[in-house]
Amino acid sequence: MKPHVKVYELAQDLGRKPLEVLRAAADLGIFAQNRLTKLDPESVSRLRNHFREHDPEDGSGSDDAASRPSEANDSP
């Protein structure tokens, strides 16, 4: 593992958007100002664990996208 990983690199690795990683970092008390912020190995590990734990609950982004068209189909 690299000694320091940028937020956007971790996001690519996790299949997430950098903003999702920034929000998770804020929730965990990890300093990350923008997508170019370098994260230390401990922070990277904590963020990876966070997304592993929350993937089953949150599901993929497709669940949200799938609910939107059904709402749109009901209105016409």
C-alpha atoms as a PDB file:
ATOM      1  CA  MET A   1       0.000   0.000   0.000  1.00  0.00           C
ATOM      2  CA  LYS A   2       1.190   3.521  -0.720  1.00  0.00           C
ATOM      3  CA  PRO A   3       2.227   5.535   2.301  1.00  0.00           C
ATOM      4  CA  HIS A   4      -0.246   8.306   1.429  1.00  0.00           C
ATOM      5  CA  VAL A   5      -3.274   8.101  -0.854  1.00  0.00           C
ATOM      6  CA  LYS A   6      -5.216  11.026  -2.250  1.00  0.00           C
ATOM      7  CA  VAL A   7      -8.959  11.164  -1.642  1.00  0.00           C
ATOM      8  CA  TYR A   8      -9.785  10.802  -5.350  1.00  0.00           C
ATOM      9  CA  GLU A   9      -7.495   7.764  -5.649  1.00  0.00           C
ATOM     10  CA  LEU A  10      -9.237   6.062  -2.739  1.00  0.00           C
ATOM     11  CA  ALA A  11     -12.618   6.944  -4.239  1.00  0.00           C
ATOM     12  CA  GLN A  12     -11.617   5.300  -7.541  1.00  0.00           C
ATOM     13  CA  ASP A  13     -10.404   2.251  -5.655  1.00  0.00           C
ATOM     14  CA  LEU A  14     -13.705   1.973  -3.773  1.00  0.00           C
ATOM     15  CA  GLY A  15     -15.874   2.705  -6.807  1.00  0.00           C
ATOM     16  CA  ARG A  16     -17.206   5.829  -5.087  1.00  0.00           C
ATOM     17  CA  LYS A  17     -17.293   9.521  -5.835  1.00  0.00           C
ATOM     18  CA  PRO A  18     -14.699  11.704  -4.103  1.00  0.00           C
ATOM     19  CA  LEU A  19     -17.497  13.646  -2.393  1.00  0.00           C
ATOM     20  CA  GLU A  20     -18.747  10.425  -0.768  1.00  0.00           C
ATOM     21  CA  VAL A  21     -15.258   9.760   0.600  1.00  0.00           C
ATOM     22  CA  LEU A  22     -14.977  13.368   1.841  1.00  0.00           C
ATOM     23  CA  ARG A  23     -18.316  13.090   3.646  1.00  0.00           C
ATOM     24  CA  ALA A  24     -17.341   9.770   5.223  1.00  0.00           C
ATOM     25  CA  ALA A  25     -14.014  11.254   6.306  1.00  0.00           C
ATOM     26  CA  ALA A  26     -15.838  14.147   7.972  1.00  0.00           C
ATOM     27  CA  ASP A  27     -18.173  11.694   9.735  1.00  0.00           C
ATOM     28  CA  LEU A  28     -15.163   9.789  11.040  1.00  0.00           C
ATOM     29  CA  GLY A  29     -13.297  12.932  12.120  1.00  0.00           C
ATOM     30  CA  ILE A  30     -10.631  12.529   9.458  1.00  0.00           C
ATOM     31  CA  PHE A  31      -9.252  15.764   8.005  1.00  0.00           C
ATOM     32  CA  ALA A  32      -9.844  15.826   4.265  1.00  0.00           C
ATOM     33  CA  GLN A  33     -10.309  19.245   2.733  1.00  0.00           C
ATOM     34  CA  ASN A  34     -10.717  18.280  -0.938  1.00  0.00           C
ATOM     35  CA  ARG A  35     -10.187  15.491  -3.459  1.00  0.00           C
ATOM     36  CA  LEU A  36      -6.424  16.118  -3.518  1.00  0.00           C
ATOM     37  CA  THR A  37      -5.925  15.765   0.244  1.00  0.00           C
ATOM     38  CA  LYS A  38      -3.422  13.033   1.094  1.00  0.00           C
ATOM     39  CA  LEU A  39      -4.648  10.461   3.579  1.00  0.00           C
ATOM     40  CA  ASP A  40      -2.352   8.536   5.904  1.00  0.00           C
ATOM     41  CA  PRO A  41      -2.571   4.712   5.920  1.00  0.00           C
ATOM     42  CA  GLU A  42      -4.603   4.620   9.162  1.00  0.00           C
ATOM     43  CA  SER A  43      -7.226   6.988   7.695  1.00  0.00           C
ATOM     44  CA  VAL A  44      -7.381   4.959   4.489  1.00  0.00           C
ATOM     45  CA  SER A  45      -7.954   1.807   6.526  1.00  0.00           C
ATOM     46  CA  ARG A  46     -10.716   3.461   8.575  1.00  0.00           C
ATOM     47  CA  LEU A  47     -12.450   4.731   5.434  1.00  0.00           C
ATOM     48  CA  ARG A  48     -12.226   1.334   3.727  1.00  0.00           C
ATOM     49  CA  ASN A  49     -13.773  -0.301   6.806  1.00  0.00           C
ATOM     50  CA  HIS A  50     -16.489   2.363   6.898  1.00  0.00           C
ATOM     51  CA  PHE A  51     -17.530   1.638   3.313  1.00  0.00           C
ATOM     52  CA  ARG A  52     -17.331  -2.134   3.868  1.00  0.00           C
ATOM     53  CA  GLU A  53     -19.661  -1.846   6.853  1.00  0.00           C
ATOM     54  CA  HIS A  54     -22.092   0.518   5.156  1.00  0.00           C
ATOM     55  CA  ASP A  55     -22.311  -1.075   1.694  1.00  0.00           C
ATOM     56  CA  PRO A  56     -25.017  -3.633   2.642  1.00  0.00           C
ATOM     57  CA  GLU A  57     -27.141  -0.963   4.357  1.00  0.00           C
ATOM     58  CA  ASP A  58     -26.781   1.711   1.701  1.00  0.00           C
ATOM     59  CA  GLY A  59     -26.891  -0.664  -1.239  1.00  0.00           C
ATOM     60  CA  SER A  60     -25.612   0.530  -4.549  1.00  0.00           C
ATOM     61  CA  GLY A  61     -26.489   3.894  -6.020  1.00  0.00           C
ATOM     62  CA  SER A  62     -28.748   2.079  -8.472  1.00  0.00           C
ATOM     63  CA  ASP A  63     -31.448   1.621  -5.804  1.00  0.00           C
ATOM     64  CA  ASP A  64     -31.917   5.387  -5.626  1.00  0.00           C
ATOM     65  CA  ALA A  65     -31.848   5.685  -9.389  1.00  0.00           C
ATOM     66  CA  ALA A  66     -34.335   2.844  -9.735  1.00  0.00           C
ATOM     67  CA  SER A  67     -36.812   4.550  -7.390  1.00  0.00           C
ATOM     68  CA  ARG A  68     -36.681   7.844  -9.253  1.00  0.00           C
ATOM     69  CA  PRO A  69     -37.962   6.572 -12.618  1.00  0.00           C
ATOM     70  CA  SER A  70     -40.831   4.727 -10.923  1.00  0.00           C
ATOM     71  CA  GLU A  71     -41.886   7.985  -9.296  1.00  0.00           C
ATOM     72  CA  ALA A  72     -41.669   9.700 -12.665  1.00  0.00           C
ATOM     73  CA  ASN A  73     -43.743   6.923 -14.267  1.00  0.00           C
ATOM     74  CA  ASP A  74     -46.510   7.419 -11.705  1.00  0.00           C
ATOM     75  CA  SER A  75     -46.928  11.129 -12.408  1.00  0.00           C
ATOM     76  CA  PRO A  76     -47.789  11.137 -16.186  1.00  0.00           C
END
